[in-house]
Amino acid sequence: MPMYSVAIIEDDLKSLQATTEFLIAHKYEVRVQSSSLPAFLESLSIDTPPDVVLLDIMVGNANMLAHLNKIKLLVPKAKIIITTGHVEPDFLFQALGAGANGYYIKGSNPHNLLEAIQAAMLDQAFLSPPAAKLLIDKMSHPGAGFAPSHYLKGIAVQLGLNKREFQVLTGLTDEKTYQEIADENHISINTIRHYVVSLYQKAGVRKKEALIRKVRELIPGQSTG
């Protein structure tokens, strides 16, 4: 009897085949193999959904994290494990924020993938060692760059910021000076001051410290204490 049933969404055909063979060799049933989201949707049987979905982040030109909620709606009981070569902080935080049950880095020990599946089925989270280190490093340095860009973009939408205001907010949360922000965005320091005032007005604050505190309050898991 198979350990668990698995669906794989992966556009690298060699990786897809290798993962399939590895899982089958370890008594898993690979129920769906798809190289795109449409192919997955076409192959998916609602009557016999997989226990686990292994989801690559970039499939073709599509960021599959943007479709993670759609997949969760279709197979609400399935655990979703990200399988990717990307170790960028934004991808990791976006995946965790979207409700992924695990994050497996391709090229690491393949048995970690089995650990990820087992952990997910026990309602536990699993991160490949490189991803775990990335998360620990981020949490160990809560100063500069405390807000992943996808969270800042969401905050920008909430506050009704325009492109320049978002650029200035990003610089301020990275603890950059007005001059550094101006140089990076090729605008004058007086223009930066104008956008800072605009940011304060939209956020309902009067000082930089209050603005940073407001941003922290809007980020899941951030503490203001």
C-alpha atoms as a PDB file:
ATOM      1  CA  MET A   1       0.000   0.000   0.000  1.00  0.00           C
ATOM      2  CA  PRO A   2       1.441   3.409  -0.968  1.00  0.00           C
ATOM      3  CA  MET A   3       2.630   5.725   1.783  1.00  0.00           C
ATOM      4  CA  TYR A   4       0.755   8.757   0.391  1.00  0.00           C
ATOM      5  CA  SER A   5      -0.488   9.980  -2.967  1.00  0.00           C
ATOM      6  CA  VAL A   6       1.383  12.887  -4.531  1.00  0.00           C
ATOM      7  CA  ALA A   7       0.814  15.409  -7.325  1.00  0.00           C
ATOM      8  CA  ILE A   8       3.814  17.146  -8.868  1.00  0.00           C
ATOM      9  CA  ILE A   9       3.724  20.493 -10.703  1.00  0.00           C
ATOM     10  CA  GLU A  10       7.144  20.965 -12.298  1.00  0.00           C
ATOM     11  CA  ASP A  11       8.159  22.221 -15.752  1.00  0.00           C
ATOM     12  CA  ASP A  12      11.683  20.770 -15.697  1.00  0.00           C
ATOM     13  CA  LEU A  13      10.932  17.384 -17.245  1.00  0.00           C
ATOM     14  CA  LYS A  14      14.162  15.777 -16.002  1.00  0.00           C
ATOM     15  CA  SER A  15      13.462  16.937 -12.479  1.00  0.00           C
ATOM     16  CA  LEU A  16       9.839  15.814 -12.807  1.00  0.00           C
ATOM     17  CA  GLN A  17      10.892  12.351 -13.908  1.00  0.00           C
ATOM     18  CA  ALA A  18      13.615  12.037 -11.277  1.00  0.00           C
ATOM     19  CA  THR A  19      11.272  13.087  -8.481  1.00  0.00           C
ATOM     20  CA  THR A  20       8.601  10.702  -9.721  1.00  0.00           C
ATOM     21  CA  GLU A  21      10.992   7.741  -9.821  1.00  0.00           C
ATOM     22  CA  PHE A  22      12.417   8.614  -6.400  1.00  0.00           C
ATOM     23  CA  LEU A  23       8.979   8.768  -4.790  1.00  0.00           C
ATOM     24  CA  ILE A  24       7.755   5.569  -6.426  1.00  0.00           C
ATOM     25  CA  ALA A  25      10.905   3.807  -5.242  1.00  0.00           C
ATOM     26  CA  HIS A  26       9.963   4.848  -1.700  1.00  0.00           C
ATOM     27  CA  LYS A  27       6.407   3.510  -1.968  1.00  0.00           C
ATOM     28  CA  TYR A  28       4.604   6.769  -2.779  1.00  0.00           C
ATOM     29  CA  GLU A  29       1.869   6.936  -5.389  1.00  0.00           C
ATOM     30  CA  VAL A  30       2.488   9.711  -7.915  1.00  0.00           C
ATOM     31  CA  ARG A  31      -1.067  10.439  -8.934  1.00  0.00           C
ATOM     32  CA  VAL A  32      -0.496  13.546 -11.083  1.00  0.00           C
ATOM     33  CA  GLN A  33       2.509  14.766 -13.071  1.00  0.00           C
ATOM     34  CA  SER A  34       2.014  18.217 -14.572  1.00  0.00           C
ATOM     35  CA  SER A  35       4.324  20.683 -16.293  1.00  0.00           C
ATOM     36  CA  SER A  36       1.870  23.592 -15.951  1.00  0.00           C
ATOM     37  CA  LEU A  37      -1.068  24.710 -13.851  1.00  0.00           C
ATOM     38  CA  PRO A  38      -3.613  24.109 -16.669  1.00  0.00           C
ATOM     39  CA  ALA A  39      -2.246  20.575 -17.089  1.00  0.00           C
ATOM     40  CA  PHE A  40      -2.585  20.013 -13.345  1.00  0.00           C
ATOM     41  CA  LEU A  41      -6.169  21.253 -13.338  1.00  0.00           C
ATOM     42  CA  GLU A  42      -6.992  19.013 -16.295  1.00  0.00           C
ATOM     43  CA  SER A  43      -5.404  15.940 -14.707  1.00  0.00           C
ATOM     44  CA  LEU A  44      -6.768  16.503 -11.215  1.00  0.00           C
ATOM     45  CA  SER A  45      -9.581  14.255 -10.046  1.00  0.00           C
ATOM     46  CA  ILE A  46     -11.676  15.875  -7.333  1.00  0.00           C
ATOM     47  CA  ASP A  47     -12.934  12.428  -6.352  1.00  0.00           C
ATOM     48  CA  THR A  48      -9.422  11.148  -5.666  1.00  0.00           C
ATOM     49  CA  PRO A  49      -7.363  14.189  -4.701  1.00  0.00           C
ATOM     50  CA  PRO A  50      -3.681  13.793  -3.781  1.00  0.00           C
ATOM     51  CA  ASP A  51      -2.513  13.891  -0.184  1.00  0.00           C
ATOM     52  CA  VAL A  52       0.401  16.137  -1.122  1.00  0.00           C
ATOM     53  CA  VAL A  53       1.116  18.650  -3.888  1.00  0.00           C
ATOM     54  CA  LEU A  54       4.768  19.291  -4.722  1.00  0.00           C
ATOM     55  CA  LEU A  55       4.769  22.747  -6.270  1.00  0.00           C
ATOM     56  CA  ASP A  56       7.662  24.344  -8.114  1.00  0.00           C
ATOM     57  CA  ILE A  57       7.716  28.144  -7.717  1.00  0.00           C
ATOM     58  CA  MET A  58       8.478  29.173 -11.287  1.00  0.00           C
ATOM     59  CA  VAL A  59       6.618  27.125 -13.885  1.00  0.00           C
ATOM     60  CA  GLY A  60       7.289  28.642 -17.267  1.00  0.00           C
ATOM     61  CA  ASN A  61       7.006  32.376 -16.680  1.00  0.00           C
ATOM     62  CA  ALA A  62       4.360  31.986 -13.972  1.00  0.00           C
ATOM     63  CA  ASN A  63       4.998  32.444 -10.274  1.00  0.00           C
ATOM     64  CA  MET A  64       2.977  29.560  -8.881  1.00  0.00           C
ATOM     65  CA  LEU A  65       2.824  31.134  -5.436  1.00  0.00           C
ATOM     66  CA  ALA A  66       0.255  33.510  -6.902  1.00  0.00           C
ATOM     67  CA  HIS A  67      -1.920  30.460  -7.623  1.00  0.00           C
ATOM     68  CA  LEU A  68      -1.345  28.669  -4.334  1.00  0.00           C
ATOM     69  CA  ASN A  69      -4.698  29.727  -2.892  1.00  0.00           C
ATOM     70  CA  LYS A  70      -6.476  28.433  -5.996  1.00  0.00           C
ATOM     71  CA  ILE A  71      -4.798  25.054  -5.561  1.00  0.00           C
ATOM     72  CA  LYS A  72      -5.722  24.988  -1.862  1.00  0.00           C
ATOM     73  CA  LEU A  73      -9.360  25.639  -2.774  1.00  0.00           C
ATOM     74  CA  LEU A  74      -9.356  22.771  -5.254  1.00  0.00           C
ATOM     75  CA  VAL A  75      -7.656  20.297  -2.914  1.00  0.00           C
ATOM     76  CA  PRO A  76      -8.314  21.749   0.557  1.00  0.00           C
ATOM     77  CA  LYS A  77      -7.085  18.681   2.435  1.00  0.00           C
ATOM     78  CA  ALA A  78      -3.838  18.342   0.476  1.00  0.00           C
ATOM     79  CA  LYS A  79      -0.559  19.491   1.964  1.00  0.00           C
ATOM     80  CA  ILE A  80       1.437  21.809  -0.291  1.00  0.00           C
ATOM     81  CA  ILE A  81       5.209  21.592  -0.301  1.00  0.00           C
ATOM     82  CA  ILE A  82       7.244  24.072  -2.318  1.00  0.00           C
ATOM     83  CA  THR A  83      10.068  22.418  -4.281  1.00  0.00           C
ATOM     84  CA  THR A  84      12.412  24.984  -5.751  1.00  0.00           C
ATOM     85  CA  GLY A  85      15.953  26.037  -6.455  1.00  0.00           C
ATOM     86  CA  HIS A  86      15.173  29.559  -5.259  1.00  0.00           C
ATOM     87  CA  VAL A  87      16.590  30.582  -1.898  1.00  0.00           C
ATOM     88  CA  GLU A  88      15.657  34.267  -2.127  1.00  0.00           C
ATOM     89  CA  PRO A  89      14.010  35.538   1.097  1.00  0.00           C
ATOM     90  CA  ASP A  90      10.992  36.943  -0.750  1.00  0.00           C
ATOM     91  CA  PHE A  91      10.057  33.551  -2.201  1.00  0.00           C
ATOM     92  CA  LEU A  92      10.430  31.831   1.169  1.00  0.00           C
ATOM     93  CA  PHE A  93       8.360  34.398   3.072  1.00  0.00           C
ATOM     94  CA  GLN A  94       5.730  34.569   0.349  1.00  0.00           C
ATOM     95  CA  ALA A  95       5.378  30.780   0.362  1.00  0.00           C
ATOM     96  CA  LEU A  96       5.061  30.596   4.137  1.00  0.00           C
ATOM     97  CA  GLY A  97       2.680  33.542   4.185  1.00  0.00           C
ATOM     98  CA  ALA A  98       0.487  31.846   1.588  1.00  0.00           C
ATOM     99  CA  GLY A  99       0.188  28.735   3.743  1.00  0.00           C
ATOM    100  CA  ALA A 100       2.716  26.314   2.254  1.00  0.00           C
ATOM    101  CA  ASN A 101       3.352  23.312   4.508  1.00  0.00           C
ATOM    102  CA  GLY A 102       7.000  22.890   3.597  1.00  0.00           C
ATOM    103  CA  TYR A 103       9.869  24.361   1.588  1.00  0.00           C
ATOM    104  CA  TYR A 104      12.275  21.923  -0.060  1.00  0.00           C
ATOM    105  CA  ILE A 105      15.382  23.244  -1.836  1.00  0.00           C
ATOM    106  CA  LYS A 106      16.220  21.235  -4.953  1.00  0.00           C
ATOM    107  CA  GLY A 107      19.713  19.826  -4.901  1.00  0.00           C
ATOM    108  CA  SER A 108      19.678  19.236  -1.160  1.00  0.00           C
ATOM    109  CA  ASN A 109      19.461  15.725   0.271  1.00  0.00           C
ATOM    110  CA  PRO A 110      16.520  14.065  -1.572  1.00  0.00           C
ATOM    111  CA  HIS A 111      15.563  12.264   1.613  1.00  0.00           C
ATOM    112  CA  ASN A 112      14.705  15.716   2.968  1.00  0.00           C
ATOM    113  CA  LEU A 113      11.805  15.655   0.529  1.00  0.00           C
ATOM    114  CA  LEU A 114      10.494  12.508   2.201  1.00  0.00           C
ATOM    115  CA  GLU A 115      10.922  14.229   5.578  1.00  0.00           C
ATOM    116  CA  ALA A 116       8.980  17.209   4.251  1.00  0.00           C
ATOM    117  CA  ILE A 117       6.091  14.992   3.154  1.00  0.00           C
ATOM    118  CA  GLN A 118       6.029  13.060   6.423  1.00  0.00           C
ATOM    119  CA  ALA A 119       6.148  16.270   8.451  1.00  0.00           C
ATOM    120  CA  ALA A 120       3.357  17.866   6.411  1.00  0.00           C
ATOM    121  CA  MET A 121       1.112  14.834   6.871  1.00  0.00           C
ATOM    122  CA  LEU A 122       1.652  15.170  10.620  1.00  0.00           C
ATOM    123  CA  ASP A 123       0.646  18.854  10.410  1.00  0.00           C
ATOM    124  CA  GLN A 124       4.214  19.902  11.017  1.00  0.00           C
ATOM    125  CA  ALA A 125       6.258  22.363   8.980  1.00  0.00           C
ATOM    126  CA  PHE A 126       9.490  21.441   7.204  1.00  0.00           C
ATOM    127  CA  LEU A 127      12.207  23.670   5.767  1.00  0.00           C
ATOM    128  CA  SER A 128      15.260  22.405   3.921  1.00  0.00           C
ATOM    129  CA  PRO A 129      18.409  23.352   5.869  1.00  0.00           C
ATOM    130  CA  PRO A 130      19.299  26.244   3.471  1.00  0.00           C
ATOM    131  CA  ALA A 131      15.782  27.669   3.855  1.00  0.00           C
ATOM    132  CA  ALA A 132      15.854  27.219   7.628  1.00  0.00           C
ATOM    133  CA  LYS A 133      19.170  29.086   7.797  1.00  0.00           C
ATOM    134  CA  LEU A 134      17.715  31.862   5.673  1.00  0.00           C
ATOM    135  CA  LEU A 135      14.761  32.207   8.017  1.00  0.00           C
ATOM    136  CA  ILE A 136      16.948  32.163  11.130  1.00  0.00           C
ATOM    137  CA  ASP A 137      19.297  34.773   9.656  1.00  0.00           C
ATOM    138  CA  LYS A 138      16.336  36.995   8.850  1.00  0.00           C
ATOM    139  CA  MET A 139      14.883  36.664  12.333  1.00  0.00           C
ATOM    140  CA  SER A 140      18.301  37.240  13.903  1.00  0.00           C
ATOM    141  CA  HIS A 141      18.646  40.595  12.144  1.00  0.00           C
ATOM    142  CA  PRO A 142      15.307  42.346  12.650  1.00  0.00           C
ATOM    143  CA  GLY A 143      16.672  45.789  11.824  1.00  0.00           C
ATOM    144  CA  ALA A 144      17.448  46.585   8.223  1.00  0.00           C
ATOM    145  CA  GLY A 145      15.230  44.917   5.703  1.00  0.00           C
ATOM    146  CA  PHE A 146      12.775  43.554   8.265  1.00  0.00           C
ATOM    147  CA  ALA A 147       9.894  43.545   5.797  1.00  0.00           C
ATOM    148  CA  PRO A 148       9.911  41.192   2.783  1.00  0.00           C
ATOM    149  CA  SER A 149       8.996  43.138  -0.350  1.00  0.00           C
ATOM    150  CA  HIS A 150       5.716  41.291  -0.955  1.00  0.00           C
ATOM    151  CA  TYR A 151       4.504  42.413   2.490  1.00  0.00           C
ATOM    152  CA  LEU A 152       5.539  45.993   1.744  1.00  0.00           C
ATOM    153  CA  LYS A 153       3.641  45.853  -1.540  1.00  0.00           C
ATOM    154  CA  GLY A 154       0.541  44.751   0.324  1.00  0.00           C
ATOM    155  CA  ILE A 155       1.013  47.571   2.825  1.00  0.00           C
ATOM    156  CA  ALA A 156       1.467  50.025  -0.048  1.00  0.00           C
ATOM    157  CA  VAL A 157      -1.911  48.971  -1.407  1.00  0.00           C
ATOM    158  CA  GLN A 158      -3.530  49.372   2.031  1.00  0.00           C
ATOM    159  CA  LEU A 159      -2.104  52.871   2.436  1.00  0.00           C
ATOM    160  CA  GLY A 160      -2.793  53.893  -1.170  1.00  0.00           C
ATOM    161  CA  LEU A 161       0.844  54.622  -1.994  1.00  0.00           C
ATOM    162  CA  ASN A 162       2.075  55.514  -5.451  1.00  0.00           C
ATOM    163  CA  LYS A 163       5.262  54.121  -6.999  1.00  0.00           C
ATOM    164  CA  ARG A 164       7.575  56.794  -5.581  1.00  0.00           C
ATOM    165  CA  GLU A 165       6.065  56.601  -2.112  1.00  0.00           C
ATOM    166  CA  PHE A 166       6.569  52.837  -2.163  1.00  0.00           C
ATOM    167  CA  GLN A 167      10.232  53.301  -3.161  1.00  0.00           C
ATOM    168  CA  VAL A 168      10.751  55.757  -0.312  1.00  0.00           C
ATOM    169  CA  LEU A 169       8.977  53.475   2.174  1.00  0.00           C
ATOM    170  CA  THR A 170      11.203  50.579   1.104  1.00  0.00           C
ATOM    171  CA  GLY A 171      14.286  52.715   1.667  1.00  0.00           C
ATOM    172  CA  LEU A 172      13.128  53.867   5.079  1.00  0.00           C
ATOM    173  CA  THR A 173      12.377  50.325   6.259  1.00  0.00           C
ATOM    174  CA  ASP A 174      15.874  49.348   5.091  1.00  0.00           C
ATOM    175  CA  GLU A 175      17.182  52.142   7.380  1.00  0.00           C
ATOM    176  CA  LYS A 176      18.680  54.103   4.496  1.00  0.00           C
ATOM    177  CA  THR A 177      19.296  57.839   4.645  1.00  0.00           C
ATOM    178  CA  TYR A 178      17.328  60.296   2.538  1.00  0.00           C
ATOM    179  CA  GLN A 179      20.426  60.791   0.391  1.00  0.00           C
ATOM    180  CA  GLU A 180      20.858  57.052  -0.188  1.00  0.00           C
ATOM    181  CA  ILE A 181      17.213  56.723  -1.193  1.00  0.00           C
ATOM    182  CA  ALA A 182      17.533  59.730  -3.496  1.00  0.00           C
ATOM    183  CA  ASP A 183      20.668  58.339  -5.159  1.00  0.00           C
ATOM    184  CA  GLU A 184      19.129  54.902  -5.669  1.00  0.00           C
ATOM    185  CA  ASN A 185      16.007  56.330  -7.302  1.00  0.00           C
ATOM    186  CA  HIS A 186      17.731  59.138  -9.220  1.00  0.00           C
ATOM    187  CA  ILE A 187      15.718  61.933  -7.650  1.00  0.00           C
ATOM    188  CA  SER A 188      16.621  64.891  -5.467  1.00  0.00           C
ATOM    189  CA  ILE A 189      16.723  64.800  -1.693  1.00  0.00           C
ATOM    190  CA  ASN A 190      14.035  67.523  -1.607  1.00  0.00           C
ATOM    191  CA  THR A 191      11.775  65.231  -3.624  1.00  0.00           C
ATOM    192  CA  ILE A 192      12.426  62.499  -1.060  1.00  0.00           C
ATOM    193  CA  ARG A 193      11.378  64.873   1.726  1.00  0.00           C
ATOM    194  CA  HIS A 194       8.165  65.621  -0.191  1.00  0.00           C
ATOM    195  CA  TYR A 195       7.321  61.921  -0.439  1.00  0.00           C
ATOM    196  CA  VAL A 196       8.199  61.317   3.225  1.00  0.00           C
ATOM    197  CA  VAL A 197       5.642  63.980   4.220  1.00  0.00           C
ATOM    198  CA  SER A 198       3.112  62.333   1.910  1.00  0.00           C
ATOM    199  CA  LEU A 199       3.867  58.942   3.520  1.00  0.00           C
ATOM    200  CA  TYR A 200       3.319  60.372   6.995  1.00  0.00           C
ATOM    201  CA  GLN A 201      -0.038  61.821   5.945  1.00  0.00           C
ATOM    202  CA  LYS A 202      -1.257  58.558   4.389  1.00  0.00           C
ATOM    203  CA  ALA A 203      -0.094  56.502   7.351  1.00  0.00           C
ATOM    204  CA  GLY A 204      -1.504  58.958   9.877  1.00  0.00           C
ATOM    205  CA  VAL A 205       1.834  59.550  11.631  1.00  0.00           C
ATOM    206  CA  ARG A 206       4.239  62.438  12.154  1.00  0.00           C
ATOM    207  CA  LYS A 207       7.636  60.794  12.604  1.00  0.00           C
ATOM    208  CA  LYS A 208       9.756  58.129  10.935  1.00  0.00           C
ATOM    209  CA  GLU A 209       9.719  55.979  14.082  1.00  0.00           C
ATOM    210  CA  ALA A 210       5.927  56.001  14.090  1.00  0.00           C
ATOM    211  CA  LEU A 211       5.854  55.106  10.398  1.00  0.00           C
ATOM    212  CA  ILE A 212       8.156  52.115  10.940  1.00  0.00           C
ATOM    213  CA  ARG A 213       6.053  51.040  13.906  1.00  0.00           C
ATOM    214  CA  LYS A 214       2.907  51.277  11.762  1.00  0.00           C
ATOM    215  CA  VAL A 215       4.506  49.130   9.064  1.00  0.00           C
ATOM    216  CA  ARG A 216       5.566  46.530  11.640  1.00  0.00           C
ATOM    217  CA  GLU A 217       2.010  46.320  12.934  1.00  0.00           C
ATOM    218  CA  LEU A 218       0.798  45.452   9.441  1.00  0.00           C
ATOM    219  CA  ILE A 219       3.323  42.643   8.915  1.00  0.00           C
ATOM    220  CA  PRO A 220       2.206  39.174  10.067  1.00  0.00           C
ATOM    221  CA  GLY A 221       4.385  37.911  12.919  1.00  0.00           C
ATOM    222  CA  GLN A 222       6.094  41.242  13.593  1.00  0.00           C
ATOM    223  CA  SER A 223       6.130  42.559  17.127  1.00  0.00           C
ATOM    224  CA  THR A 224       6.094  46.190  18.132  1.00  0.00           C
ATOM    225  CA  GLY A 225       7.137  45.446  21.715  1.00  0.00           C
END
